[in-house]
Structure formats: structure tokens, C-alpha cells
Amino acid sequence: MTIPGLLIALGYEAIFRAPISEIFPGLYQTVEASIEERLADMEKNLQHSTTKGRKASSIAANSNGFGSVEAQSRSQLPHASQDL
């Protein structure tokens, strides 16, 4: 399967008036699962980390920001199962 570039995918969204996640639901689910897995690994690594000082603060700040962005994104993205 060929994965379209971002500009092509956004073009499809404009043409078909449907979110990219609905046009490519399988790809969306694959990306979503991958991100969930990476977030879980990152959280686990941070819980077991012995890093202290500036580096720990930086890691914690990035972790919190990434989680917040992920949560916001998930709440704003329509799912393939939702009606238009």
C-alpha cells in the first residue's frame, strides 16, 4: 500500500469533504496504536528513570506536553465509526 503525502491527503480531505482519518481509517488506526504504544513506553521509562536535575525536568516537561497534545488531538479527531 502506498501512503500519500500530507499535501495529497489534505487534498483528498478537501475534495471528499471528509477527515483524513475517515478516508484512511486503517492507516489512522495503525498510527493511533503506534502512538499509544510509544506513550506507554515513554511513561514506563520515565517511571523507572533515575535521571535527576535539569535533564529530569526537561524529560518531565516534554512528557507532560506530549501527553497533553495527544489528549487534545484525540478529543478533536473524528473516528471512522462516527457519522458525518
C-alpha atoms as a PDB file:
ATOM      1  CA  MET A   1       0.000   0.000   0.000  1.00  0.00           C
ATOM      2  CA  THR A   2       1.284   3.444  -0.886  1.00  0.00           C
ATOM      3  CA  ILE A   3       0.847   6.093   1.778  1.00  0.00           C
ATOM      4  CA  PRO A   4       0.030   9.514   0.320  1.00  0.00           C
ATOM      5  CA  GLY A   5       1.998  12.576   1.354  1.00  0.00           C
ATOM      6  CA  LEU A   6       0.433  15.134   3.639  1.00  0.00           C
ATOM      7  CA  LEU A   7      -0.495  17.556   0.853  1.00  0.00           C
ATOM      8  CA  ILE A   8      -2.158  14.795  -1.158  1.00  0.00           C
ATOM      9  CA  ALA A   9      -4.050  13.549   1.913  1.00  0.00           C
ATOM     10  CA  LEU A  10      -5.235  17.076   2.716  1.00  0.00           C
ATOM     11  CA  GLY A  11      -6.305  17.430  -0.903  1.00  0.00           C
ATOM     12  CA  TYR A  12      -8.409  14.275  -0.568  1.00  0.00           C
ATOM     13  CA  GLU A  13      -9.927  15.751   2.571  1.00  0.00           C
ATOM     14  CA  ALA A  14     -10.876  18.922   0.679  1.00  0.00           C
ATOM     15  CA  ILE A  15     -12.237  17.037  -2.336  1.00  0.00           C
ATOM     16  CA  PHE A  16     -14.264  14.446  -0.425  1.00  0.00           C
ATOM     17  CA  ARG A  17     -15.158  16.770   2.474  1.00  0.00           C
ATOM     18  CA  ALA A  18     -14.261  14.061   4.964  1.00  0.00           C
ATOM     19  CA  PRO A  19     -11.491  13.917   7.577  1.00  0.00           C
ATOM     20  CA  ILE A  20      -8.312  12.104   6.591  1.00  0.00           C
ATOM     21  CA  SER A  21      -8.943   9.636   9.413  1.00  0.00           C
ATOM     22  CA  GLU A  22     -12.189   8.586   7.696  1.00  0.00           C
ATOM     23  CA  ILE A  23     -10.641   8.419   4.232  1.00  0.00           C
ATOM     24  CA  PHE A  24      -7.778   6.239   5.535  1.00  0.00           C
ATOM     25  CA  PRO A  25      -9.268   4.544   8.627  1.00  0.00           C
ATOM     26  CA  GLY A  26      -6.834   1.608   8.676  1.00  0.00           C
ATOM     27  CA  LEU A  27      -3.822   3.899   8.461  1.00  0.00           C
ATOM     28  CA  TYR A  28      -5.290   6.144  11.168  1.00  0.00           C
ATOM     29  CA  GLN A  29      -5.797   3.164  13.493  1.00  0.00           C
ATOM     30  CA  THR A  30      -2.227   1.974  12.858  1.00  0.00           C
ATOM     31  CA  VAL A  31      -0.801   5.405  13.665  1.00  0.00           C
ATOM     32  CA  GLU A  32      -3.017   5.756  16.730  1.00  0.00           C
ATOM     33  CA  ALA A  33      -1.945   2.333  18.081  1.00  0.00           C
ATOM     34  CA  SER A  34       1.721   3.156  17.457  1.00  0.00           C
ATOM     35  CA  ILE A  35       1.443   6.452  19.330  1.00  0.00           C
ATOM     36  CA  GLU A  36      -0.372   4.794  22.232  1.00  0.00           C
ATOM     37  CA  GLU A  37       2.394   2.189  22.455  1.00  0.00           C
ATOM     38  CA  ARG A  38       5.146   4.805  22.330  1.00  0.00           C
ATOM     39  CA  LEU A  39       3.434   6.890  25.008  1.00  0.00           C
ATOM     40  CA  ALA A  40       3.104   3.856  27.275  1.00  0.00           C
ATOM     41  CA  ASP A  41       6.796   3.012  26.767  1.00  0.00           C
ATOM     42  CA  MET A  42       7.792   6.604  27.453  1.00  0.00           C
ATOM     43  CA  GLU A  43       5.731   6.695  30.644  1.00  0.00           C
ATOM     44  CA  LYS A  44       7.213   3.391  31.801  1.00  0.00           C
ATOM     45  CA  ASN A  45      10.749   4.611  31.088  1.00  0.00           C
ATOM     46  CA  LEU A  46      10.127   7.838  32.978  1.00  0.00           C
ATOM     47  CA  GLN A  47       8.787   5.966  35.983  1.00  0.00           C
ATOM     48  CA  HIS A  48      11.932   3.810  36.095  1.00  0.00           C
ATOM     49  CA  SER A  49      14.329   6.614  35.246  1.00  0.00           C
ATOM     50  CA  THR A  50      16.948   7.668  37.758  1.00  0.00           C
ATOM     51  CA  THR A  51      17.696  10.877  35.875  1.00  0.00           C
ATOM     52  CA  LYS A  52      17.961  13.911  38.133  1.00  0.00           C
ATOM     53  CA  GLY A  53      18.446  17.617  37.754  1.00  0.00           C
ATOM     54  CA  ARG A  54      17.975  19.602  34.538  1.00  0.00           C
ATOM     55  CA  LYS A  55      17.650  16.548  32.331  1.00  0.00           C
ATOM     56  CA  ALA A  56      14.846  15.119  34.500  1.00  0.00           C
ATOM     57  CA  SER A  57      12.987  18.432  34.403  1.00  0.00           C
ATOM     58  CA  SER A  58      13.329  18.543  30.632  1.00  0.00           C
ATOM     59  CA  ILE A  59      12.079  14.972  30.233  1.00  0.00           C
ATOM     60  CA  ALA A  60       9.132  15.596  32.555  1.00  0.00           C
ATOM     61  CA  ALA A  61       8.193  18.797  30.725  1.00  0.00           C
ATOM     62  CA  ASN A  62       8.307  17.031  27.362  1.00  0.00           C
ATOM     63  CA  SER A  63       6.313  14.119  28.695  1.00  0.00           C
ATOM     64  CA  ASN A  64       3.569  16.308  30.107  1.00  0.00           C
ATOM     65  CA  GLY A  65       3.371  18.429  26.973  1.00  0.00           C
ATOM     66  CA  PHE A  66       3.278  15.421  24.671  1.00  0.00           C
ATOM     67  CA  GLY A  67       0.575  13.761  26.710  1.00  0.00           C
ATOM     68  CA  SER A  68      -1.482  16.938  26.729  1.00  0.00           C
ATOM     69  CA  VAL A  69      -1.165  17.348  22.973  1.00  0.00           C
ATOM     70  CA  GLU A  70      -2.064  13.707  22.454  1.00  0.00           C
ATOM     71  CA  ALA A  71      -5.136  14.014  24.661  1.00  0.00           C
ATOM     72  CA  GLN A  72      -6.260  17.208  22.922  1.00  0.00           C
ATOM     73  CA  SER A  73      -5.684  15.683  19.498  1.00  0.00           C
ATOM     74  CA  ARG A  74      -7.616  12.559  20.360  1.00  0.00           C
ATOM     75  CA  SER A  75     -10.602  14.567  21.602  1.00  0.00           C
ATOM     76  CA  GLN A  76     -10.656  16.651  18.406  1.00  0.00           C
ATOM     77  CA  LEU A  77     -10.119  13.893  15.837  1.00  0.00           C
ATOM     78  CA  PRO A  78     -13.208  12.174  14.495  1.00  0.00           C
ATOM     79  CA  HIS A  79     -13.173   8.418  14.424  1.00  0.00           C
ATOM     80  CA  ALA A  80     -14.125   6.332  11.420  1.00  0.00           C
ATOM     81  CA  SER A  81     -17.100   4.918  13.302  1.00  0.00           C
ATOM     82  CA  GLN A  82     -18.667   8.357  13.822  1.00  0.00           C
ATOM     83  CA  ASP A  83     -21.314   9.595  11.433  1.00  0.00           C
ATOM     84  CA  LEU A  84     -20.610  12.695   9.372  1.00  0.00           C
END
